[in-house]
Amino acid sequence: MIHAEERGTPKNRKKIDWKLITDLPVGSRADAIEKLEWYALRWKIEVFHKILV
């Protein structure tokens, strides 16, 4: 599991707190950041598919 917290949170909302469950190997901070970046791309893909409908 990867646990990440948002930095620089605006004062008008709570920080984003991610818990990402993965079966991919995560042996370092760089590995964790890489997996979080991959997951963040998911939302662009979701929007793309929404536009197609």
C-alpha atoms as a PDB file:
ATOM      1  CA  MET A   1       0.000   0.000   0.000  1.00  0.00           C
ATOM      2  CA  ILE A   2       1.177   3.520  -0.801  1.00  0.00           C
ATOM      3  CA  HIS A   3       0.129   6.352   1.515  1.00  0.00           C
ATOM      4  CA  ALA A   4       0.525   9.924   0.250  1.00  0.00           C
ATOM      5  CA  GLU A   5      -0.570  13.307   1.574  1.00  0.00           C
ATOM      6  CA  GLU A   6      -0.971  16.517  -0.402  1.00  0.00           C
ATOM      7  CA  ARG A   7       1.487  19.349   0.202  1.00  0.00           C
ATOM      8  CA  GLY A   8       0.550  23.017   0.021  1.00  0.00           C
ATOM      9  CA  THR A   9      -3.135  22.524   0.749  1.00  0.00           C
ATOM     10  CA  PRO A  10      -5.340  25.606   0.265  1.00  0.00           C
ATOM     11  CA  LYS A  11      -6.833  26.902   3.533  1.00  0.00           C
ATOM     12  CA  ASN A  12     -10.422  26.464   2.320  1.00  0.00           C
ATOM     13  CA  ARG A  13     -10.307  22.653   2.132  1.00  0.00           C
ATOM     14  CA  LYS A  14      -8.802  19.567   3.697  1.00  0.00           C
ATOM     15  CA  LYS A  15      -5.639  18.040   2.293  1.00  0.00           C
ATOM     16  CA  ILE A  16      -5.921  15.113  -0.078  1.00  0.00           C
ATOM     17  CA  ASP A  17      -4.957  11.865   1.633  1.00  0.00           C
ATOM     18  CA  TRP A  18      -4.334   8.958  -0.754  1.00  0.00           C
ATOM     19  CA  LYS A  19      -4.112   5.288   0.068  1.00  0.00           C
ATOM     20  CA  LEU A  20      -3.300   3.361  -3.086  1.00  0.00           C
ATOM     21  CA  ILE A  21      -3.356  -0.419  -2.967  1.00  0.00           C
ATOM     22  CA  THR A  22      -1.122  -1.988  -5.599  1.00  0.00           C
ATOM     23  CA  ASP A  23       0.507  -5.301  -6.340  1.00  0.00           C
ATOM     24  CA  LEU A  24       3.382  -3.576  -8.143  1.00  0.00           C
ATOM     25  CA  PRO A  25       6.766  -3.575  -6.399  1.00  0.00           C
ATOM     26  CA  VAL A  26       7.461  -0.409  -4.390  1.00  0.00           C
ATOM     27  CA  GLY A  27      10.929  -0.455  -2.889  1.00  0.00           C
ATOM     28  CA  SER A  28      11.691   3.250  -2.646  1.00  0.00           C
ATOM     29  CA  ARG A  29      10.164   6.710  -2.482  1.00  0.00           C
ATOM     30  CA  ALA A  30      10.845   7.128  -6.217  1.00  0.00           C
ATOM     31  CA  ASP A  31       8.916   3.905  -6.913  1.00  0.00           C
ATOM     32  CA  ALA A  32       5.975   5.161  -4.856  1.00  0.00           C
ATOM     33  CA  ILE A  33       5.933   8.516  -6.675  1.00  0.00           C
ATOM     34  CA  GLU A  34       6.049   6.719 -10.021  1.00  0.00           C
ATOM     35  CA  LYS A  35       3.011   4.587  -9.103  1.00  0.00           C
ATOM     36  CA  LEU A  36       1.087   7.639  -7.880  1.00  0.00           C
ATOM     37  CA  GLU A  37       1.830   9.427 -11.163  1.00  0.00           C
ATOM     38  CA  TRP A  38       0.545   6.413 -13.097  1.00  0.00           C
ATOM     39  CA  TYR A  39      -2.635   6.397 -11.031  1.00  0.00           C
ATOM     40  CA  ALA A  40      -3.129  10.139 -11.572  1.00  0.00           C
ATOM     41  CA  LEU A  41      -3.193   9.502 -15.334  1.00  0.00           C
ATOM     42  CA  ARG A  42      -6.295   7.381 -14.811  1.00  0.00           C
ATOM     43  CA  TRP A  43      -8.460  10.495 -14.478  1.00  0.00           C
ATOM     44  CA  LYS A  44      -7.361  11.821 -17.873  1.00  0.00           C
ATOM     45  CA  ILE A  45      -8.305   8.456 -19.376  1.00  0.00           C
ATOM     46  CA  GLU A  46     -11.701   8.569 -17.614  1.00  0.00           C
ATOM     47  CA  VAL A  47     -12.405  12.043 -19.060  1.00  0.00           C
ATOM     48  CA  PHE A  48     -11.346  10.868 -22.521  1.00  0.00           C
ATOM     49  CA  HIS A  49     -13.797   7.962 -22.387  1.00  0.00           C
ATOM     50  CA  LYS A  50     -16.541  10.259 -21.085  1.00  0.00           C
ATOM     51  CA  ILE A  51     -16.040  12.543 -24.091  1.00  0.00           C
ATOM     52  CA  LEU A  52     -16.373   9.581 -26.470  1.00  0.00           C
ATOM     53  CA  VAL A  53     -19.855   8.691 -25.185  1.00  0.00           C
END
